[in-house]
Amino acid sequence: MPFARNSYSEQRRSCTRLLNVYRTVDEQRMADDLDDLLDEVEAKFCRTAPKGDRMSAQSGDRRTKDGVTSCRRPEKDDLDDLLEDILDDDDSSMPQAIRTGPKLSVAQSSKRKCCPVFLGGSAIGHGIGTSNSQRACNQLRCTSCDFRIVTFDDLEWDPSCDYLFFRNNMPDCDKLRGKLKYKRGARAYACQCSWHSAFSLMDLRDQQQLKWVCGKHET
């Protein structure tokens, strides 16, 4: 029995040594594979320094057989300088006309509305109506039929006009003239659904049946 116990102990020690040998081999193989991988990465992405510069290499650099490879990550300032150089090169290669671009005019046309909106006879001038400048609006639009309002100076609508007449004939001015009569100083207004004859200056707000608004004037 002591012989059997000693044989078992020796076999166990032999197995342990064998496992240690395998572990050593595997670790060496993994180390070799890791070194090969690092060498490949350095060869592709790192800059190789001359042999004479080995002593000046930083502690974070990896050594190879041919010299010292600098794998130091560029600082933020270095990246900024590189980007500025690239942008300067791209900008200098562009024609002057493209780099500067066309100068846009600061002054642009604006639009204004009448406030209040006025209607008027042919003696009343057209333009932007205000409380101080009372002019007849010539940019009227109907919010009901969405037509622009047409006007005829020194003419008025015949009393026989009705909705169907304007509904069928707008905006044909030649056909509309069939219902117009001469009236000095008058001004006839019409859209597709409403009509009005003005003889003097009047505020549009006083004509509740007319759904007309100022469509804005360019200034």
C-alpha atoms as a PDB file:
ATOM      1  CA  MET A   1       0.000   0.000   0.000  1.00  0.00           C
ATOM      2  CA  PRO A   2       2.818   2.515   0.688  1.00  0.00           C
ATOM      3  CA  PHE A   3       4.172   1.671  -2.769  1.00  0.00           C
ATOM      4  CA  ALA A   4       0.808   2.479  -4.332  1.00  0.00           C
ATOM      5  CA  ARG A   5       0.603   5.763  -2.421  1.00  0.00           C
ATOM      6  CA  ASN A   6       4.089   6.772  -3.608  1.00  0.00           C
ATOM      7  CA  SER A   7       3.234   5.887  -7.224  1.00  0.00           C
ATOM      8  CA  TYR A   8       0.113   8.010  -7.078  1.00  0.00           C
ATOM      9  CA  SER A   9       2.035  11.001  -5.713  1.00  0.00           C
ATOM     10  CA  GLU A  10       4.683  10.695  -8.417  1.00  0.00           C
ATOM     11  CA  GLN A  11       2.045  10.489 -11.142  1.00  0.00           C
ATOM     12  CA  ARG A  12       0.323  13.584  -9.749  1.00  0.00           C
ATOM     13  CA  ARG A  13       3.602  15.521  -9.689  1.00  0.00           C
ATOM     14  CA  SER A  14       4.294  14.412 -13.258  1.00  0.00           C
ATOM     15  CA  CYS A  15       0.869  15.609 -14.388  1.00  0.00           C
ATOM     16  CA  THR A  16       1.403  18.937 -12.651  1.00  0.00           C
ATOM     17  CA  ARG A  17       4.776  19.442 -14.360  1.00  0.00           C
ATOM     18  CA  LEU A  18       3.245  18.514 -17.705  1.00  0.00           C
ATOM     19  CA  LEU A  19       0.452  21.064 -17.216  1.00  0.00           C
ATOM     20  CA  ASN A  20       2.990  23.721 -16.320  1.00  0.00           C
ATOM     21  CA  VAL A  21       4.902  22.919 -19.495  1.00  0.00           C
ATOM     22  CA  TYR A  22       1.718  23.281 -21.578  1.00  0.00           C
ATOM     23  CA  ARG A  23       0.870  26.543 -19.872  1.00  0.00           C
ATOM     24  CA  THR A  24       4.361  27.861 -20.525  1.00  0.00           C
ATOM     25  CA  VAL A  25       4.119  26.869 -24.185  1.00  0.00           C
ATOM     26  CA  ASP A  26       0.678  28.475 -24.559  1.00  0.00           C
ATOM     27  CA  GLU A  27       1.792  31.679 -22.848  1.00  0.00           C
ATOM     28  CA  GLN A  28       4.878  31.846 -25.042  1.00  0.00           C
ATOM     29  CA  ARG A  29       2.754  31.254 -28.137  1.00  0.00           C
ATOM     30  CA  MET A  30       0.282  33.949 -27.090  1.00  0.00           C
ATOM     31  CA  ALA A  31       3.143  36.332 -26.388  1.00  0.00           C
ATOM     32  CA  ASP A  32       4.628  35.631 -29.814  1.00  0.00           C
ATOM     33  CA  ASP A  33       1.251  36.155 -31.478  1.00  0.00           C
ATOM     34  CA  LEU A  34       0.794  39.414 -29.593  1.00  0.00           C
ATOM     35  CA  ASP A  35       4.254  40.595 -30.592  1.00  0.00           C
ATOM     36  CA  ASP A  36       3.549  39.759 -34.225  1.00  0.00           C
ATOM     37  CA  LEU A  37       0.276  41.662 -34.100  1.00  0.00           C
ATOM     38  CA  LEU A  38       1.917  44.696 -32.506  1.00  0.00           C
ATOM     39  CA  ASP A  39       4.701  44.615 -35.079  1.00  0.00           C
ATOM     40  CA  GLU A  40       2.122  44.563 -37.870  1.00  0.00           C
ATOM     41  CA  VAL A  41       0.230  47.496 -36.363  1.00  0.00           C
ATOM     42  CA  GLU A  42       3.422  49.476 -35.884  1.00  0.00           C
ATOM     43  CA  ALA A  43       4.513  48.792 -39.444  1.00  0.00           C
ATOM     44  CA  LYS A  44       1.241  50.144 -40.814  1.00  0.00           C
ATOM     45  CA  PHE A  45       0.413  53.078 -38.552  1.00  0.00           C
ATOM     46  CA  CYS A  46       3.586  54.159 -36.757  1.00  0.00           C
ATOM     47  CA  ARG A  47       6.558  56.106 -38.038  1.00  0.00           C
ATOM     48  CA  THR A  48       9.936  54.419 -37.757  1.00  0.00           C
ATOM     49  CA  ALA A  49      12.673  56.607 -36.350  1.00  0.00           C
ATOM     50  CA  PRO A  50      16.380  56.241 -37.310  1.00  0.00           C
ATOM     51  CA  LYS A  51      18.676  54.121 -35.138  1.00  0.00           C
ATOM     52  CA  GLY A  52      20.519  57.187 -33.919  1.00  0.00           C
ATOM     53  CA  ASP A  53      17.342  58.498 -32.304  1.00  0.00           C
ATOM     54  CA  ARG A  54      16.804  55.501 -30.028  1.00  0.00           C
ATOM     55  CA  MET A  55      18.123  57.276 -26.938  1.00  0.00           C
ATOM     56  CA  SER A  56      15.704  60.183 -27.458  1.00  0.00           C
ATOM     57  CA  ALA A  57      12.634  57.976 -27.781  1.00  0.00           C
ATOM     58  CA  GLN A  58       9.923  58.482 -25.168  1.00  0.00           C
ATOM     59  CA  SER A  59       9.146  55.872 -22.526  1.00  0.00           C
ATOM     60  CA  GLY A  60       5.800  55.071 -24.146  1.00  0.00           C
ATOM     61  CA  ASP A  61       7.410  54.004 -27.485  1.00  0.00           C
ATOM     62  CA  ARG A  62       7.894  50.354 -28.475  1.00  0.00           C
ATOM     63  CA  ARG A  63      11.360  49.155 -29.599  1.00  0.00           C
ATOM     64  CA  THR A  64      11.902  47.065 -32.733  1.00  0.00           C
ATOM     65  CA  LYS A  65      14.940  45.529 -34.405  1.00  0.00           C
ATOM     66  CA  ASP A  66      15.252  48.314 -36.967  1.00  0.00           C
ATOM     67  CA  GLY A  67      14.797  51.277 -34.645  1.00  0.00           C
ATOM     68  CA  VAL A  68      12.333  53.109 -32.417  1.00  0.00           C
ATOM     69  CA  THR A  69       8.742  53.538 -33.605  1.00  0.00           C
ATOM     70  CA  SER A  70       6.914  56.590 -32.338  1.00  0.00           C
ATOM     71  CA  CYS A  71       3.347  55.702 -31.399  1.00  0.00           C
ATOM     72  CA  ARG A  72       2.702  58.792 -29.335  1.00  0.00           C
ATOM     73  CA  ARG A  73      -0.847  60.058 -29.841  1.00  0.00           C
ATOM     74  CA  PRO A  74      -0.866  63.554 -31.329  1.00  0.00           C
ATOM     75  CA  GLU A  75      -1.816  66.322 -28.930  1.00  0.00           C
ATOM     76  CA  LYS A  76      -4.904  68.487 -29.461  1.00  0.00           C
ATOM     77  CA  ASP A  77      -2.794  71.429 -30.644  1.00  0.00           C
ATOM     78  CA  ASP A  78      -1.107  69.243 -33.250  1.00  0.00           C
ATOM     79  CA  LEU A  79      -4.502  68.111 -34.588  1.00  0.00           C
ATOM     80  CA  ASP A  80      -5.728  71.697 -34.726  1.00  0.00           C
ATOM     81  CA  ASP A  81      -2.638  72.793 -36.640  1.00  0.00           C
ATOM     82  CA  LEU A  82      -3.058  69.922 -39.074  1.00  0.00           C
ATOM     83  CA  LEU A  83      -6.694  70.770 -39.700  1.00  0.00           C
ATOM     84  CA  GLU A  84      -5.862  74.439 -40.231  1.00  0.00           C
ATOM     85  CA  ASP A  85      -3.152  73.518 -42.755  1.00  0.00           C
ATOM     86  CA  ILE A  86      -5.597  71.312 -44.669  1.00  0.00           C
ATOM     87  CA  LEU A  87      -8.265  74.012 -44.702  1.00  0.00           C
ATOM     88  CA  ASP A  88      -5.762  76.643 -45.808  1.00  0.00           C
ATOM     89  CA  ASP A  89      -4.590  74.443 -48.657  1.00  0.00           C
ATOM     90  CA  ASP A  90      -8.151  73.762 -49.819  1.00  0.00           C
ATOM     91  CA  ASP A  91      -9.079  77.422 -49.616  1.00  0.00           C
ATOM     92  CA  SER A  92      -5.986  78.607 -51.462  1.00  0.00           C
ATOM     93  CA  SER A  93      -6.712  76.216 -54.339  1.00  0.00           C
ATOM     94  CA  MET A  94     -10.177  77.706 -54.895  1.00  0.00           C
ATOM     95  CA  PRO A  95     -10.698  80.637 -57.272  1.00  0.00           C
ATOM     96  CA  GLN A  96     -11.178  84.030 -55.668  1.00  0.00           C
ATOM     97  CA  ALA A  97     -14.738  84.336 -56.960  1.00  0.00           C
ATOM     98  CA  ILE A  98     -15.729  81.034 -55.367  1.00  0.00           C
ATOM     99  CA  ARG A  99     -14.090  81.762 -52.029  1.00  0.00           C
ATOM    100  CA  THR A 100     -15.581  85.147 -51.530  1.00  0.00           C
ATOM    101  CA  GLY A 101     -18.972  84.409 -53.109  1.00  0.00           C
ATOM    102  CA  PRO A 102     -21.376  86.988 -54.460  1.00  0.00           C
ATOM    103  CA  LYS A 103     -22.164  89.905 -52.226  1.00  0.00           C
ATOM    104  CA  LEU A 104     -25.804  89.957 -51.263  1.00  0.00           C
ATOM    105  CA  SER A 105     -27.608  93.220 -51.291  1.00  0.00           C
ATOM    106  CA  VAL A 106     -28.648  94.296 -47.827  1.00  0.00           C
ATOM    107  CA  ALA A 107     -31.498  96.410 -49.067  1.00  0.00           C
ATOM    108  CA  GLN A 108     -34.428  94.203 -49.995  1.00  0.00           C
ATOM    109  CA  SER A 109     -37.932  95.110 -51.009  1.00  0.00           C
ATOM    110  CA  SER A 110     -40.498  95.053 -48.228  1.00  0.00           C
ATOM    111  CA  LYS A 111     -44.280  94.949 -48.295  1.00  0.00           C
ATOM    112  CA  ARG A 112     -46.777  97.023 -46.366  1.00  0.00           C
ATOM    113  CA  LYS A 113     -50.510  96.879 -45.820  1.00  0.00           C
ATOM    114  CA  CYS A 114     -53.018  99.704 -45.874  1.00  0.00           C
ATOM    115  CA  CYS A 115     -54.285 100.641 -42.443  1.00  0.00           C
ATOM    116  CA  PRO A 116     -57.074 101.503 -42.710  1.00  0.00           C
ATOM    117  CA  VAL A 117     -58.115 100.355 -46.191  1.00  0.00           C
ATOM    118  CA  PHE A 118     -59.840 102.969 -48.316  1.00  0.00           C
ATOM    119  CA  LEU A 119     -61.985 102.872 -51.467  1.00  0.00           C
ATOM    120  CA  GLY A 120     -62.496 105.950 -53.573  1.00  0.00           C
ATOM    121  CA  GLY A 121     -63.702 107.517 -56.801  1.00  0.00           C
ATOM    122  CA  SER A 122     -61.458 108.191 -59.786  1.00  0.00           C
ATOM    123  CA  ALA A 123     -60.323 111.486 -58.243  1.00  0.00           C
ATOM    124  CA  ILE A 124     -58.711 109.625 -55.322  1.00  0.00           C
ATOM    125  CA  GLY A 125     -55.147 108.537 -55.949  1.00  0.00           C
ATOM    126  CA  HIS A 126     -53.977 104.958 -55.527  1.00  0.00           C
ATOM    127  CA  GLY A 127     -51.408 103.837 -52.995  1.00  0.00           C
ATOM    128  CA  ILE A 128     -50.849 102.771 -49.392  1.00  0.00           C
ATOM    129  CA  GLY A 129     -53.649 104.099 -47.265  1.00  0.00           C
ATOM    130  CA  THR A 130     -52.983 105.392 -43.760  1.00  0.00           C
ATOM    131  CA  SER A 131     -54.741 107.734 -41.374  1.00  0.00           C
ATOM    132  CA  ASN A 132     -52.522 110.579 -42.552  1.00  0.00           C
ATOM    133  CA  SER A 133     -52.249 109.531 -46.217  1.00  0.00           C
ATOM    134  CA  GLN A 134     -55.752 108.653 -47.354  1.00  0.00           C
ATOM    135  CA  ARG A 135     -55.345 106.827 -50.648  1.00  0.00           C
ATOM    136  CA  ALA A 136     -57.477 104.212 -52.354  1.00  0.00           C
ATOM    137  CA  CYS A 137     -55.967 100.739 -52.152  1.00  0.00           C
ATOM    138  CA  ASN A 138     -55.175  99.183 -55.535  1.00  0.00           C
ATOM    139  CA  GLN A 139     -53.996  95.816 -54.142  1.00  0.00           C
ATOM    140  CA  LEU A 140     -57.353  94.540 -52.939  1.00  0.00           C
ATOM    141  CA  ARG A 141     -58.083  90.815 -52.673  1.00  0.00           C
ATOM    142  CA  CYS A 142     -61.293  89.018 -51.749  1.00  0.00           C
ATOM    143  CA  THR A 143     -61.088  86.549 -48.865  1.00  0.00           C
ATOM    144  CA  SER A 144     -64.279  84.848 -50.014  1.00  0.00           C
ATOM    145  CA  CYS A 145     -63.583  84.023 -53.672  1.00  0.00           C
ATOM    146  CA  ASP A 146     -59.791  84.645 -53.519  1.00  0.00           C
ATOM    147  CA  PHE A 147     -59.890  86.897 -56.612  1.00  0.00           C
ATOM    148  CA  ARG A 148     -58.049  90.154 -57.032  1.00  0.00           C
ATOM    149  CA  ILE A 149     -60.363  93.134 -57.272  1.00  0.00           C
ATOM    150  CA  VAL A 150     -60.536  94.894 -60.655  1.00  0.00           C
ATOM    151  CA  THR A 151     -61.380  98.584 -60.990  1.00  0.00           C
ATOM    152  CA  PHE A 152     -62.758 100.830 -63.746  1.00  0.00           C
ATOM    153  CA  ASP A 153     -62.357 104.603 -63.471  1.00  0.00           C
ATOM    154  CA  ASP A 154     -65.188 106.977 -64.419  1.00  0.00           C
ATOM    155  CA  LEU A 155     -67.581 104.032 -64.620  1.00  0.00           C
ATOM    156  CA  GLU A 156     -70.234 102.578 -62.325  1.00  0.00           C
ATOM    157  CA  TRP A 157     -72.080  99.266 -62.228  1.00  0.00           C
ATOM    158  CA  ASP A 158     -75.515  98.997 -63.732  1.00  0.00           C
ATOM    159  CA  PRO A 159     -78.251  98.234 -61.162  1.00  0.00           C
ATOM    160  CA  SER A 160     -79.098  95.044 -63.078  1.00  0.00           C
ATOM    161  CA  CYS A 161     -75.799  93.386 -62.029  1.00  0.00           C
ATOM    162  CA  ASP A 162     -76.154  90.175 -60.046  1.00  0.00           C
ATOM    163  CA  TYR A 163     -73.977  87.460 -58.547  1.00  0.00           C
ATOM    164  CA  LEU A 164     -74.227  85.107 -61.561  1.00  0.00           C
ATOM    165  CA  PHE A 165     -73.010  87.835 -63.911  1.00  0.00           C
ATOM    166  CA  PHE A 166     -69.721  88.232 -62.004  1.00  0.00           C
ATOM    167  CA  ARG A 167     -69.485  84.534 -61.276  1.00  0.00           C
ATOM    168  CA  ASN A 168     -69.606  83.703 -65.006  1.00  0.00           C
ATOM    169  CA  ASN A 169     -67.590  86.620 -66.401  1.00  0.00           C
ATOM    170  CA  MET A 170     -64.745  87.328 -63.987  1.00  0.00           C
ATOM    171  CA  PRO A 171     -62.000  88.117 -64.798  1.00  0.00           C
ATOM    172  CA  ASP A 172     -62.883  88.878 -68.451  1.00  0.00           C
ATOM    173  CA  CYS A 173     -62.882  92.681 -68.447  1.00  0.00           C
ATOM    174  CA  ASP A 174     -64.392  92.924 -71.905  1.00  0.00           C
ATOM    175  CA  LYS A 175     -67.478  91.003 -70.772  1.00  0.00           C
ATOM    176  CA  LEU A 176     -67.666  92.957 -67.535  1.00  0.00           C
ATOM    177  CA  ARG A 177     -67.891  96.228 -69.467  1.00  0.00           C
ATOM    178  CA  GLY A 178     -71.301  95.111 -70.695  1.00  0.00           C
ATOM    179  CA  LYS A 179     -72.718  96.097 -67.284  1.00  0.00           C
ATOM    180  CA  LEU A 180     -70.781  99.348 -66.840  1.00  0.00           C
ATOM    181  CA  LYS A 181     -72.110 102.862 -67.319  1.00  0.00           C
ATOM    182  CA  TYR A 182     -70.203 106.085 -67.680  1.00  0.00           C
ATOM    183  CA  LYS A 183     -70.124 108.192 -64.526  1.00  0.00           C
ATOM    184  CA  ARG A 184     -67.568 110.934 -64.188  1.00  0.00           C
ATOM    185  CA  GLY A 185     -65.621 110.718 -60.908  1.00  0.00           C
ATOM    186  CA  ALA A 186     -66.840 107.197 -60.129  1.00  0.00           C
ATOM    187  CA  ARG A 187     -64.777 104.043 -59.756  1.00  0.00           C
ATOM    188  CA  ALA A 188     -66.278 100.562 -60.174  1.00  0.00           C
ATOM    189  CA  TYR A 189     -64.847  97.695 -58.072  1.00  0.00           C
ATOM    190  CA  ALA A 190     -65.548  93.970 -58.540  1.00  0.00           C
ATOM    191  CA  CYS A 191     -64.387  90.454 -57.703  1.00  0.00           C
ATOM    192  CA  GLN A 192     -66.078  87.160 -58.575  1.00  0.00           C
ATOM    193  CA  CYS A 193     -68.658  87.401 -55.807  1.00  0.00           C
ATOM    194  CA  SER A 194     -69.062  91.126 -54.951  1.00  0.00           C
ATOM    195  CA  TRP A 195     -69.137  94.519 -56.643  1.00  0.00           C
ATOM    196  CA  HIS A 196     -69.267  98.159 -55.568  1.00  0.00           C
ATOM    197  CA  SER A 197     -69.308 101.642 -57.104  1.00  0.00           C
ATOM    198  CA  ALA A 198     -67.404 104.346 -55.180  1.00  0.00           C
ATOM    199  CA  PHE A 199     -67.787 108.089 -55.734  1.00  0.00           C
ATOM    200  CA  SER A 200     -65.717 109.502 -52.872  1.00  0.00           C
ATOM    201  CA  LEU A 201     -63.227 108.353 -50.260  1.00  0.00           C
ATOM    202  CA  MET A 202     -64.686 105.741 -47.898  1.00  0.00           C
ATOM    203  CA  ASP A 203     -63.365 103.366 -45.245  1.00  0.00           C
ATOM    204  CA  LEU A 204     -63.697  99.727 -46.280  1.00  0.00           C
ATOM    205  CA  ARG A 205     -64.733  98.845 -42.730  1.00  0.00           C
ATOM    206  CA  ASP A 206     -67.980 100.690 -43.350  1.00  0.00           C
ATOM    207  CA  GLN A 207     -68.846  98.231 -46.145  1.00  0.00           C
ATOM    208  CA  GLN A 208     -69.435  95.064 -44.144  1.00  0.00           C
ATOM    209  CA  GLN A 209     -70.766  93.129 -47.156  1.00  0.00           C
ATOM    210  CA  LEU A 210     -67.388  93.369 -48.902  1.00  0.00           C
ATOM    211  CA  LYS A 211     -64.893  90.688 -47.814  1.00  0.00           C
ATOM    212  CA  TRP A 212     -61.934  92.574 -49.206  1.00  0.00           C
ATOM    213  CA  VAL A 213     -58.514  93.103 -47.669  1.00  0.00           C
ATOM    214  CA  CYS A 214     -55.282  94.792 -48.673  1.00  0.00           C
ATOM    215  CA  GLY A 215     -52.975  92.309 -50.408  1.00  0.00           C
ATOM    216  CA  LYS A 216     -49.859  94.363 -49.474  1.00  0.00           C
ATOM    217  CA  HIS A 217     -47.941  96.959 -51.455  1.00  0.00           C
ATOM    218  CA  GLU A 218     -44.298  96.659 -52.432  1.00  0.00           C
ATOM    219  CA  THR A 219     -42.176  99.555 -51.200  1.00  0.00           C
END
